[in-house]
Amino acid sequence: MSTIFDELRSALFSVWHRRWLALGVAWGVCLVGWLMVAMVPNTYSSQARILVQLDDALAEQIGIGAGDQRRNIQRVRDTLTSSINLEKVVRSTRIGDGVTSPRQMDSAIASLAKQIKVVSQQDNLFQISADSGSSALSDAQNAKLSQDIVQKMIDIFREENLAGGRGEMRDTLAFMDQQLAARQRELEAAEQRRVAFEAKNPQVAIGGGSMAQRMETGQSELRGIDADLGAAQSALAAINGQLAGTPQTLPGGGPVGGAHSALAQASADLAAMRARGLTENHPDVIAQKNQVASLRAQAAGEGSAGGIPNPAYSSLLSIKAERQASVQALESRRASSQSVLAGIGARQIDAPEVAAEATRISRDYDVLKQQYDKLLQDREELRLRGQVENERSGIKFQVIDPPTAPRAPTAPNRPALLLFVLVAGLGAGVGAAFALGQLRSTFATTAKLERALDLPVLGAISHKLTDAARAVRARRIRYFVAASSALGGLFALLLTLEFIQRGMVA
């Protein structure tokens, strides 16, 4: 511990003994450093925040969702600092005052791109900031320039979102119109070829499609007619069964409960069984038929009952007539469809080249018609979408924080730099004095001399000053204190000037 204390005392003595050297080095370093700090121009930063609202029910109704709008805004944010937009900023602010050549413009754009930042704080909240620190401008001019840059960026952001898509939409609609016109010409040419072919081959009409398509359609229609005809024939058979079991007359004169009455009841029961779908081989139907035959024999033995016409029988006759008419109509349609299919098949066999040509013309026309209809629908959807985006845009802008007018520079931190230079100058002076002391072969203490020579030191002779020497030393100390105080005063003066300069900008 004593060794460390002796070394510290030796170092302090060496520095104090060469204090004027240390002070001179400190003054030189501080003057050079403070001059360099003074030459660094102040940089002022202006900021603004924009809120973008995306709610619009009409836009979502036609397919312009919030995701599409958010992607559009993100695209504008990514392209906001493009060269074209930055050139607009340069020309509309005082940055472009000295720009007279393309090379100067490129240099100004490259410098401006480093000074502008666009940050997404949230999905719909953006912060735009710009820095200005030109050495050719005063602090007040740099502060005003940074604010102007941010304001111009806000204007560009609004223009790109509100009107930037109109040019793209116009170009897209013009392209769609060109494609529609081309498809319309091709469709008209295909229509003329089809008309000419039908005029040349009247037996092969392709207005309803190709022969294969017409054959397939006819076969499908014939299958439907066959299904309907089978159902109608089944219904007619069922009504015939009911008529067979329904008496034409009802008993009106014989004894109540006689054979005629029982026969009528049994016949009605048999008709009900058949209506339920029971077949003739069903045991209940067989038993009921035997009962009807037995009662019919008994009724014949009793003679005529002098009955009245049965209204159920008359109603069943009417239904039978309707179903017979339906069956006949379906048979007629079936015969007609078979005739048409036979004619198409005969034409395909007789003139296969004509049939193939008809198929090709019909296919080409159908393809062109589908393309034209699809393009027309897409064009109308784009037109409606463009009208909604341009005339009723769902994107609303709100500048929640307008561009700030900077009152203090953001860079450099001049007070901290001035203090750093002062500390560096004092450290350089102390280091220079200590280094020179290390180079000189002198010993500040007896202990250090004893360690260096490894011999015992018997004593030390103190330095005795006269009154005149003490007066000279005191005067030199006063000069040293005054010079040191002047260095500190210069530092304080520079700090004061810095804060006064900032106050003038505000």
Protein backbone atom coordinates (compact mmCIF):
# COMPACT_ATOMS: atom_id res chain seq x y z
CA MET A 1 0.00 0.00 0.00
CA SER A 2 2.88 2.35 0.84
CA THR A 3 4.40 1.64 -2.57
CA ILE A 4 1.21 2.70 -4.34
CA PHE A 5 1.03 5.83 -2.18
CA ASP A 6 4.64 6.69 -3.03
CA GLU A 7 4.01 6.20 -6.74
CA LEU A 8 0.96 8.46 -6.57
CA ARG A 9 2.94 11.14 -4.73
CA SER A 10 5.70 10.85 -7.30
CA ALA A 11 3.27 11.22 -10.19
CA LEU A 12 1.56 14.24 -8.62
CA PHE A 13 4.90 15.89 -7.92
CA SER A 14 6.04 15.24 -11.50
CA VAL A 15 2.85 16.79 -12.91
CA TRP A 16 2.89 19.73 -10.51
CA HIS A 17 6.54 20.36 -11.22
CA ARG A 18 5.66 20.63 -14.93
CA ARG A 19 2.29 22.33 -14.44
CA TRP A 20 2.92 24.97 -17.05
CA LEU A 21 3.51 22.31 -19.66
CA ALA A 22 0.28 20.58 -18.64
CA LEU A 23 -1.66 23.85 -18.78
CA GLY A 24 -0.20 24.75 -22.19
CA VAL A 25 -1.12 21.36 -23.65
CA ALA A 26 -4.62 21.64 -22.14
CA TRP A 27 -5.07 25.09 -23.68
CA GLY A 28 -3.90 23.87 -27.09
CA VAL A 29 -6.12 20.78 -27.10
CA CYS A 30 -9.15 22.72 -25.85
CA LEU A 31 -8.74 25.51 -28.40
CA VAL A 32 -8.42 23.05 -31.29
CA GLY A 33 -11.28 20.87 -30.03
CA TRP A 34 -13.62 23.79 -29.34
CA LEU A 35 -12.90 25.21 -32.77
CA MET A 36 -13.80 21.88 -34.37
CA VAL A 37 -17.00 21.67 -32.31
CA ALA A 38 -17.91 25.21 -33.37
CA MET A 39 -17.48 24.27 -37.04
CA VAL A 40 -20.02 21.43 -36.79
CA PRO A 41 -23.40 22.85 -37.91
CA ASN A 42 -26.49 22.34 -35.80
CA THR A 43 -29.03 19.82 -37.06
CA TYR A 44 -32.73 20.52 -36.45
CA SER A 45 -35.43 17.85 -36.68
CA SER A 46 -39.15 18.28 -37.32
CA GLN A 47 -41.75 15.53 -36.80
CA ALA A 48 -45.38 14.92 -37.62
CA ARG A 49 -47.86 12.08 -37.11
CA ILE A 50 -50.67 11.04 -39.48
CA LEU A 51 -53.69 8.91 -38.58
CA VAL A 52 -55.30 6.98 -41.43
CA GLN A 53 -58.92 5.77 -41.01
CA LEU A 54 -60.00 2.85 -43.21
CA ASP A 55 -63.70 2.33 -42.35
CA ASP A 56 -66.09 2.45 -45.31
CA ALA A 57 -69.09 0.12 -45.70
CA LEU A 58 -69.56 0.88 -49.42
CA ALA A 59 -65.96 0.06 -50.24
CA GLU A 60 -66.20 -3.26 -48.42
CA GLN A 61 -69.50 -4.01 -50.20
CA ILE A 62 -67.88 -3.92 -53.66
CA GLY A 63 -64.80 -5.86 -52.56
CA ILE A 64 -62.42 -3.11 -51.39
CA GLY A 65 -61.66 -4.44 -47.94
CA ALA A 66 -59.59 -2.91 -45.17
CA GLY A 67 -56.75 -5.27 -46.10
CA ASP A 68 -56.60 -3.88 -49.65
CA GLN A 69 -56.64 -0.32 -48.37
CA ARG A 70 -53.94 -1.12 -45.80
CA ARG A 71 -51.76 -2.64 -48.50
CA ASN A 72 -52.22 0.47 -50.63
CA ILE A 73 -51.14 2.68 -47.73
CA GLN A 74 -48.14 0.45 -47.06
CA ARG A 75 -47.19 0.67 -50.72
CA VAL A 76 -47.37 4.46 -50.59
CA ARG A 77 -45.29 4.50 -47.41
CA ASP A 78 -42.62 2.34 -49.03
CA THR A 79 -42.50 4.51 -52.14
CA LEU A 80 -42.80 7.82 -50.31
CA THR A 81 -39.03 8.28 -50.20
CA SER A 82 -38.55 7.38 -53.87
CA SER A 83 -36.38 9.56 -56.06
CA ILE A 84 -39.38 11.08 -57.83
CA ASN A 85 -41.02 12.18 -54.58
CA LEU A 86 -37.75 13.44 -53.12
CA GLU A 87 -37.18 15.49 -56.26
CA LYS A 88 -40.56 17.14 -55.63
CA VAL A 89 -39.42 18.01 -52.12
CA VAL A 90 -36.12 19.44 -53.38
CA ARG A 91 -37.82 21.62 -55.98
CA SER A 92 -40.52 22.90 -53.59
CA THR A 93 -38.14 23.86 -50.76
CA ARG A 94 -35.05 26.01 -50.52
CA ILE A 95 -32.88 22.93 -50.97
CA GLY A 96 -33.31 23.36 -54.70
CA ASP A 97 -32.21 27.00 -54.76
CA GLY A 98 -28.67 26.13 -55.75
CA VAL A 99 -29.48 23.06 -57.85
CA THR A 100 -28.78 23.77 -61.51
CA SER A 101 -27.61 20.46 -62.98
CA PRO A 102 -28.76 16.81 -62.89
CA ARG A 103 -25.66 15.86 -60.91
CA GLN A 104 -26.46 18.41 -58.24
CA MET A 105 -30.05 17.18 -58.16
CA ASP A 106 -28.90 13.58 -57.67
CA SER A 107 -26.59 14.68 -54.86
CA ALA A 108 -29.40 16.65 -53.19
CA ILE A 109 -31.78 13.67 -53.46
CA ALA A 110 -29.19 11.28 -51.99
CA SER A 111 -28.54 13.65 -49.08
CA LEU A 112 -32.25 14.21 -48.48
CA ALA A 113 -32.97 10.45 -48.44
CA LYS A 114 -30.70 10.11 -45.40
CA GLN A 115 -32.51 12.93 -43.58
CA ILE A 116 -36.10 11.65 -43.97
CA LYS A 117 -37.63 8.78 -42.00
CA VAL A 118 -41.14 7.32 -42.29
CA VAL A 119 -42.00 4.98 -39.40
CA SER A 120 -45.21 2.97 -38.85
CA GLN A 121 -46.00 3.26 -35.16
CA GLN A 122 -49.24 1.27 -35.63
CA ASP A 123 -51.20 -0.19 -38.54
CA ASN A 124 -52.79 3.18 -39.28
CA LEU A 125 -50.44 5.63 -37.54
CA PHE A 126 -47.36 7.00 -39.31
CA GLN A 127 -44.59 9.28 -38.10
CA ILE A 128 -42.66 11.41 -40.59
CA SER A 129 -39.44 13.10 -39.47
CA ALA A 130 -36.86 15.17 -41.33
CA ASP A 131 -33.47 16.61 -40.35
CA SER A 132 -31.76 19.71 -41.68
CA GLY A 133 -28.21 20.72 -40.84
CA SER A 134 -26.78 22.60 -43.80
CA SER A 135 -23.70 24.64 -43.03
CA ALA A 136 -24.76 27.19 -45.66
CA LEU A 137 -27.89 28.08 -43.66
CA SER A 138 -28.39 29.65 -40.30
CA ASP A 139 -29.94 27.79 -37.38
CA ALA A 140 -33.31 29.48 -37.90
CA GLN A 141 -33.25 28.60 -41.60
CA ASN A 142 -32.37 24.98 -40.87
CA ALA A 143 -35.22 24.73 -38.36
CA LYS A 144 -37.68 26.20 -40.88
CA LEU A 145 -36.38 23.95 -43.66
CA SER A 146 -36.92 20.76 -41.62
CA GLN A 147 -40.52 21.82 -40.97
CA ASP A 148 -41.09 22.56 -44.67
CA ILE A 149 -39.73 19.15 -45.65
CA VAL A 150 -42.13 17.34 -43.32
CA GLN A 151 -45.07 19.41 -44.56
CA LYS A 152 -44.24 18.58 -48.16
CA MET A 153 -43.98 14.89 -47.31
CA ILE A 154 -47.47 15.03 -45.78
CA ASP A 155 -48.81 16.64 -48.94
CA ILE A 156 -47.21 13.93 -51.08
CA PHE A 157 -48.58 11.21 -48.77
CA ARG A 158 -52.08 12.60 -49.18
CA GLU A 159 -51.78 13.03 -52.95
CA GLU A 160 -50.41 9.53 -53.48
CA ASN A 161 -53.30 7.93 -51.58
CA LEU A 162 -56.18 10.12 -52.73
CA ALA A 163 -55.21 10.68 -56.34
CA GLY A 164 -52.32 8.34 -56.97
CA GLY A 165 -54.55 5.42 -57.92
CA ARG A 166 -56.59 7.39 -60.45
CA GLY A 167 -53.91 7.28 -63.11
CA GLU A 168 -53.40 3.56 -62.56
CA MET A 169 -57.17 2.97 -62.75
CA ARG A 170 -57.42 4.99 -65.97
CA ASP A 171 -54.59 3.02 -67.52
CA THR A 172 -56.18 -0.26 -66.45
CA LEU A 173 -59.58 0.71 -67.87
CA ALA A 174 -57.98 1.84 -71.14
CA PHE A 175 -56.23 -1.52 -71.42
CA MET A 176 -59.49 -3.35 -70.68
CA ASP A 177 -61.28 -1.30 -73.38
CA GLN A 178 -58.61 -2.24 -75.90
CA GLN A 179 -58.95 -5.91 -75.04
CA LEU A 180 -62.75 -5.69 -75.25
CA ALA A 181 -62.56 -4.04 -78.68
CA ALA A 182 -60.22 -6.77 -79.92
CA ARG A 183 -62.45 -9.53 -78.55
CA GLN A 184 -65.51 -7.86 -80.07
CA ARG A 185 -63.90 -7.82 -83.52
CA GLU A 186 -62.95 -11.49 -83.19
CA LEU A 187 -66.48 -12.33 -81.97
CA GLU A 188 -68.06 -10.52 -84.93
CA ALA A 189 -65.77 -12.38 -87.32
CA ALA A 190 -66.73 -15.71 -85.72
CA GLU A 191 -70.41 -14.74 -85.98
CA GLN A 192 -70.02 -13.99 -89.69
CA ARG A 193 -68.31 -17.33 -90.27
CA ARG A 194 -71.14 -19.11 -88.50
CA VAL A 195 -73.83 -17.30 -90.53
CA ALA A 196 -72.00 -18.03 -93.79
CA PHE A 197 -71.65 -21.69 -92.87
CA GLU A 198 -75.36 -22.02 -92.00
CA ALA A 199 -76.30 -20.33 -95.27
CA LYS A 200 -74.11 -22.76 -97.18
CA ASN A 201 -75.24 -25.80 -95.19
CA PRO A 202 -78.85 -25.21 -94.13
CA GLN A 203 -79.26 -28.82 -93.09
CA VAL A 204 -76.61 -28.30 -90.37
CA ALA A 205 -77.71 -25.42 -88.14
CA ILE A 206 -75.13 -24.64 -85.46
CA GLY A 207 -76.98 -21.91 -83.68
CA GLY A 208 -77.70 -24.22 -80.79
CA GLY A 209 -74.13 -25.44 -80.47
CA SER A 210 -72.00 -28.12 -82.05
CA MET A 211 -73.47 -31.39 -83.27
CA ALA A 212 -71.90 -33.25 -80.39
CA GLN A 213 -73.40 -30.80 -77.92
CA ARG A 214 -76.81 -31.01 -79.63
CA MET A 215 -76.61 -34.81 -79.65
CA GLU A 216 -75.76 -34.84 -75.96
CA THR A 217 -78.56 -32.38 -75.21
CA GLY A 218 -81.06 -34.44 -77.23
CA GLN A 219 -80.06 -37.65 -75.49
CA SER A 220 -80.39 -36.01 -72.08
CA GLU A 221 -83.82 -34.68 -73.05
CA LEU A 222 -84.86 -38.15 -74.32
CA ARG A 223 -83.80 -39.73 -71.03
CA GLY A 224 -85.94 -37.21 -69.18
CA ILE A 225 -88.93 -37.93 -71.44
CA ASP A 226 -88.51 -41.68 -70.88
CA ALA A 227 -88.50 -41.18 -67.13
CA ASP A 228 -91.64 -39.02 -67.28
CA LEU A 229 -93.34 -41.53 -69.61
CA GLY A 230 -92.63 -44.43 -67.27
CA ALA A 231 -94.08 -42.49 -64.35
CA ALA A 232 -97.18 -41.58 -66.37
CA GLN A 233 -97.73 -45.20 -67.46
CA SER A 234 -97.42 -46.38 -63.87
CA ALA A 235 -100.00 -43.81 -62.79
CA LEU A 236 -102.35 -44.95 -65.58
CA ALA A 237 -102.00 -48.58 -64.57
CA ALA A 238 -102.81 -47.66 -60.98
CA ILE A 239 -105.97 -45.81 -61.96
CA ASN A 240 -107.03 -48.75 -64.15
CA GLY A 241 -106.66 -51.01 -61.14
CA GLN A 242 -108.83 -48.73 -59.06
CA LEU A 243 -111.48 -48.64 -61.82
CA ALA A 244 -111.52 -52.41 -62.00
CA GLY A 245 -112.40 -52.65 -58.33
CA THR A 246 -114.90 -49.78 -58.21
CA PRO A 247 -118.60 -50.55 -59.03
CA GLN A 248 -120.26 -48.41 -61.64
CA THR A 249 -123.48 -48.14 -59.61
CA LEU A 250 -124.40 -48.10 -55.98
CA PRO A 251 -127.35 -50.16 -54.63
CA GLY A 252 -130.47 -48.09 -54.40
CA GLY A 253 -133.41 -50.51 -54.04
CA GLY A 254 -132.68 -53.96 -52.61
CA PRO A 255 -132.69 -54.94 -48.97
CA VAL A 256 -130.30 -53.07 -46.74
CA GLY A 257 -127.23 -55.12 -46.08
CA GLY A 258 -127.83 -57.44 -49.03
CA ALA A 259 -125.25 -58.94 -51.36
CA HIS A 260 -125.05 -55.80 -53.50
CA SER A 261 -124.16 -53.68 -50.49
CA ALA A 262 -121.54 -56.15 -49.31
CA LEU A 263 -120.14 -56.37 -52.84
CA ALA A 264 -119.77 -52.60 -53.02
CA GLN A 265 -117.97 -52.50 -49.69
CA ALA A 266 -115.65 -55.39 -50.63
CA SER A 267 -114.85 -53.79 -54.00
CA ALA A 268 -113.99 -50.52 -52.24
CA ASP A 269 -111.69 -52.34 -49.84
CA LEU A 270 -109.94 -54.08 -52.74
CA ALA A 271 -109.43 -50.76 -54.53
CA ALA A 272 -107.96 -49.26 -51.35
CA MET A 273 -105.47 -52.13 -51.07
CA ARG A 274 -104.34 -51.63 -54.65
CA ALA A 275 -104.05 -47.87 -54.07
CA ARG A 276 -101.71 -48.59 -51.18
CA GLY A 277 -99.41 -50.40 -53.64
CA LEU A 278 -100.20 -54.00 -52.75
CA THR A 279 -99.54 -56.35 -55.66
CA GLU A 280 -101.95 -58.92 -57.02
CA ASN A 281 -99.93 -61.71 -55.36
CA HIS A 282 -100.30 -60.24 -51.88
CA PRO A 283 -102.26 -62.60 -49.56
CA ASP A 284 -104.65 -59.84 -48.48
CA VAL A 285 -105.38 -58.91 -52.08
CA ILE A 286 -105.98 -62.56 -53.02
CA ALA A 287 -108.34 -63.07 -50.09
CA GLN A 288 -110.21 -59.86 -50.88
CA LYS A 289 -110.53 -60.85 -54.56
CA ASN A 290 -112.02 -64.21 -53.53
CA GLN A 291 -114.48 -62.42 -51.28
CA VAL A 292 -115.49 -60.07 -54.10
CA ALA A 293 -116.05 -63.02 -56.46
CA SER A 294 -118.23 -64.79 -53.89
CA LEU A 295 -120.28 -61.67 -53.23
CA ARG A 296 -120.61 -61.00 -56.94
CA ALA A 297 -122.17 -64.51 -57.37
CA GLN A 298 -124.56 -63.87 -54.50
CA ALA A 299 -125.53 -60.49 -55.92
CA ALA A 300 -126.21 -62.09 -59.29
CA GLY A 301 -128.51 -64.58 -57.54
CA GLU A 302 -130.46 -61.75 -55.90
CA GLY A 303 -130.96 -59.99 -59.21
CA SER A 304 -130.72 -56.31 -60.04
CA ALA A 305 -130.66 -53.99 -57.10
CA GLY A 306 -131.82 -51.04 -59.16
CA GLY A 307 -128.78 -49.02 -58.00
CA ILE A 308 -127.72 -45.44 -58.75
CA PRO A 309 -124.49 -44.32 -60.61
CA ASN A 310 -121.37 -44.39 -58.45
CA PRO A 311 -119.75 -40.87 -58.31
CA ALA A 312 -116.33 -42.34 -57.35
CA TYR A 313 -116.34 -44.37 -60.53
CA SER A 314 -117.08 -41.27 -62.61
CA SER A 315 -114.26 -39.38 -60.92
CA LEU A 316 -111.83 -42.20 -61.59
CA LEU A 317 -112.84 -42.16 -65.27
CA SER A 318 -111.97 -38.46 -65.49
CA ILE A 319 -108.56 -39.05 -63.90
CA LYS A 320 -107.94 -41.96 -66.28
CA ALA A 321 -108.69 -39.74 -69.29
CA GLU A 322 -106.19 -37.09 -68.07
CA ARG A 323 -103.45 -39.66 -67.50
CA GLN A 324 -104.06 -41.25 -70.89
CA ALA A 325 -103.64 -37.80 -72.47
CA SER A 326 -100.36 -37.28 -70.57
CA VAL A 327 -99.04 -40.65 -71.74
CA GLN A 328 -99.93 -39.87 -75.34
CA ALA A 329 -98.25 -36.42 -75.17
CA LEU A 330 -95.06 -37.92 -73.72
CA GLU A 331 -95.02 -40.63 -76.36
CA SER A 332 -95.35 -37.93 -79.02
CA ARG A 333 -92.44 -35.94 -77.53
CA ARG A 334 -90.37 -39.10 -77.31
CA ALA A 335 -90.96 -39.85 -80.96
CA SER A 336 -90.05 -36.27 -81.93
CA SER A 337 -86.77 -36.37 -79.93
CA GLN A 338 -85.87 -39.71 -81.45
CA SER A 339 -86.47 -38.26 -84.88
CA VAL A 340 -84.22 -35.26 -84.17
CA LEU A 341 -81.44 -37.47 -82.81
CA ALA A 342 -81.74 -39.73 -85.81
CA GLY A 343 -81.45 -36.72 -88.13
CA ILE A 344 -78.31 -35.45 -86.35
CA GLY A 345 -76.76 -38.90 -86.46
CA ALA A 346 -77.60 -39.24 -90.14
CA ARG A 347 -75.98 -35.89 -90.94
CA GLN A 348 -72.86 -36.87 -89.04
CA ILE A 349 -72.65 -40.09 -91.00
CA ASP A 350 -73.47 -38.54 -94.39
CA ALA A 351 -71.18 -35.49 -94.07
CA PRO A 352 -68.55 -35.95 -91.36
CA GLU A 353 -66.43 -33.06 -92.68
CA VAL A 354 -69.36 -30.67 -92.49
CA ALA A 355 -70.19 -31.87 -88.99
CA ALA A 356 -66.58 -31.41 -87.87
CA GLU A 357 -66.51 -27.91 -89.37
CA ALA A 358 -69.77 -27.05 -87.60
CA THR A 359 -68.32 -28.29 -84.31
CA ARG A 360 -65.15 -26.23 -84.73
CA ILE A 361 -67.03 -23.04 -85.65
CA SER A 362 -69.41 -23.48 -82.72
CA ARG A 363 -66.54 -24.14 -80.30
CA ASP A 364 -64.57 -21.07 -81.43
CA TYR A 365 -67.64 -18.89 -81.14
CA ASP A 366 -68.47 -20.16 -77.64
CA VAL A 367 -64.91 -19.58 -76.41
CA LEU A 368 -64.80 -16.04 -77.78
CA LYS A 369 -68.24 -15.29 -76.33
CA GLN A 370 -67.18 -16.48 -72.87
CA GLN A 371 -63.98 -14.41 -73.01
CA TYR A 372 -65.87 -11.32 -74.12
CA ASP A 373 -68.50 -11.69 -71.37
CA LYS A 374 -65.80 -12.21 -68.73
CA LEU A 375 -63.84 -9.15 -69.88
CA LEU A 376 -66.99 -7.06 -69.95
CA GLN A 377 -67.88 -8.07 -66.40
CA ASP A 378 -64.34 -7.38 -65.16
CA ARG A 379 -64.31 -3.98 -66.87
CA GLU A 380 -67.56 -2.94 -65.19
CA GLU A 381 -66.33 -4.13 -61.79
CA LEU A 382 -63.11 -2.15 -62.24
CA ARG A 383 -65.06 0.93 -63.30
CA LEU A 384 -67.25 0.74 -60.20
CA ARG A 385 -64.23 0.11 -58.01
CA GLY A 386 -62.44 3.12 -59.49
CA GLN A 387 -65.45 5.37 -58.93
CA VAL A 388 -65.67 4.31 -55.30
CA GLU A 389 -61.94 4.77 -54.74
CA ASN A 390 -61.81 8.17 -56.45
CA GLU A 391 -65.14 9.75 -55.55
CA ARG A 392 -65.91 8.06 -52.23
CA SER A 393 -62.60 7.00 -50.85
CA GLY A 394 -62.75 5.09 -47.59
CA ILE A 395 -59.30 6.42 -46.62
CA LYS A 396 -59.50 9.50 -44.42
CA PHE A 397 -56.41 11.38 -43.26
CA GLN A 398 -56.00 13.24 -40.04
CA VAL A 399 -52.79 15.03 -39.10
CA ILE A 400 -52.90 14.52 -35.35
CA ASP A 401 -49.48 16.14 -34.80
CA PRO A 402 -48.61 18.86 -37.34
CA PRO A 403 -44.97 19.41 -38.30
CA THR A 404 -43.17 20.72 -35.26
CA ALA A 405 -41.07 23.89 -35.34
CA PRO A 406 -37.80 22.75 -33.71
CA ARG A 407 -36.50 25.07 -31.01
CA ALA A 408 -33.35 23.19 -30.11
CA PRO A 409 -30.91 21.26 -32.30
CA THR A 410 -31.03 17.52 -32.11
CA ALA A 411 -27.37 17.20 -33.07
CA PRO A 412 -24.68 17.75 -32.16
CA ASN A 413 -24.96 17.83 -28.37
CA ARG A 414 -22.69 20.82 -28.20
CA PRO A 415 -22.61 21.31 -24.38
CA ALA A 416 -21.58 17.69 -23.92
CA LEU A 417 -18.96 18.04 -26.66
CA LEU A 418 -17.54 21.19 -25.07
CA LEU A 419 -17.27 19.46 -21.72
CA PHE A 420 -15.69 16.42 -23.36
CA VAL A 421 -13.06 18.61 -25.05
CA LEU A 422 -12.29 20.32 -21.73
CA VAL A 423 -11.83 16.97 -19.97
CA ALA A 424 -9.76 15.68 -22.88
CA GLY A 425 -7.55 18.79 -22.82
CA LEU A 426 -6.92 18.53 -19.07
CA GLY A 427 -6.22 14.83 -19.45
CA ALA A 428 -3.84 15.48 -22.34
CA GLY A 429 -1.97 18.15 -20.30
CA VAL A 430 -1.63 15.89 -17.26
CA GLY A 431 -0.56 12.99 -19.44
CA ALA A 432 2.05 15.08 -21.25
CA ALA A 433 3.53 16.32 -17.97
CA PHE A 434 3.58 12.83 -16.49
CA ALA A 435 5.14 11.32 -19.62
CA LEU A 436 7.90 13.95 -19.67
CA GLY A 437 8.58 13.26 -16.02
CA GLN A 438 8.93 9.58 -16.75
CA LEU A 439 11.47 10.32 -19.45
CA ARG A 440 13.64 12.40 -17.10
CA SER A 441 15.92 10.27 -14.82
CA THR A 442 14.98 12.00 -11.54
CA PHE A 443 13.46 10.63 -8.35
CA ALA A 444 10.75 12.49 -6.50
CA THR A 445 11.05 10.50 -3.23
CA THR A 446 13.84 8.73 -1.33
CA ALA A 447 11.90 5.47 -1.33
CA LYS A 448 11.78 5.43 -5.12
CA LEU A 449 15.52 6.11 -5.27
CA GLU A 450 16.17 3.28 -2.78
CA ARG A 451 14.07 0.83 -4.85
CA ALA A 452 15.76 1.87 -8.08
CA LEU A 453 19.36 1.53 -6.78
CA ASP A 454 18.68 -1.25 -4.26
CA LEU A 455 20.87 0.65 -1.79
CA PRO A 456 19.92 2.28 1.50
CA VAL A 457 19.31 5.99 1.40
CA LEU A 458 20.70 7.74 4.45
CA GLY A 459 18.78 11.04 4.12
CA ALA A 460 17.47 13.85 1.96
CA ILE A 461 18.30 17.56 1.79
CA SER A 462 15.28 19.85 1.79
CA HIS A 463 14.95 22.83 -0.53
CA LYS A 464 15.18 26.13 1.33
CA LEU A 465 13.76 29.21 -0.39
CA THR A 466 14.56 32.82 0.29
CA ASP A 467 11.88 35.46 0.65
CA ALA A 468 12.45 36.67 -2.90
CA ALA A 469 12.19 33.12 -4.24
CA ARG A 470 8.99 32.54 -2.29
CA ALA A 471 7.54 35.75 -3.73
CA VAL A 472 8.43 34.65 -7.25
CA ARG A 473 6.85 31.25 -6.67
CA ALA A 474 3.66 32.79 -5.27
CA ARG A 475 3.44 35.10 -8.26
CA ARG A 476 3.88 32.18 -10.63
CA ILE A 477 1.16 30.24 -8.81
CA ARG A 478 -1.18 33.21 -9.19
CA TYR A 479 -0.41 33.30 -12.89
CA PHE A 480 -1.09 29.57 -13.14
CA VAL A 481 -4.39 29.90 -11.31
CA ALA A 482 -5.36 32.82 -13.53
CA ALA A 483 -4.52 30.87 -16.69
CA SER A 484 -6.47 27.85 -15.43
CA SER A 485 -9.41 30.06 -14.48
CA ALA A 486 -9.29 31.62 -17.93
CA LEU A 487 -9.61 28.15 -19.46
CA GLY A 488 -12.64 27.43 -17.29
CA GLY A 489 -14.07 30.87 -18.04
CA LEU A 490 -13.70 30.32 -21.76
CA PHE A 491 -15.59 27.02 -21.35
CA ALA A 492 -18.37 28.79 -19.45
CA LEU A 493 -18.48 31.55 -22.08
CA LEU A 494 -18.87 28.99 -24.88
CA LEU A 495 -21.70 27.27 -23.01
CA THR A 496 -23.43 30.62 -22.49
CA LEU A 497 -23.12 31.51 -26.16
CA GLU A 498 -24.57 28.11 -27.11
CA PHE A 499 -27.69 28.56 -24.98
CA ILE A 500 -28.11 32.16 -26.16
CA GLN A 501 -27.95 30.95 -29.76
CA ARG A 502 -30.61 28.35 -29.07
CA GLY A 503 -32.82 30.98 -27.50
CA MET A 504 -32.49 33.13 -30.62
CA VAL A 505 -33.74 30.21 -32.76
CA ALA A 506 -36.74 29.70 -30.49
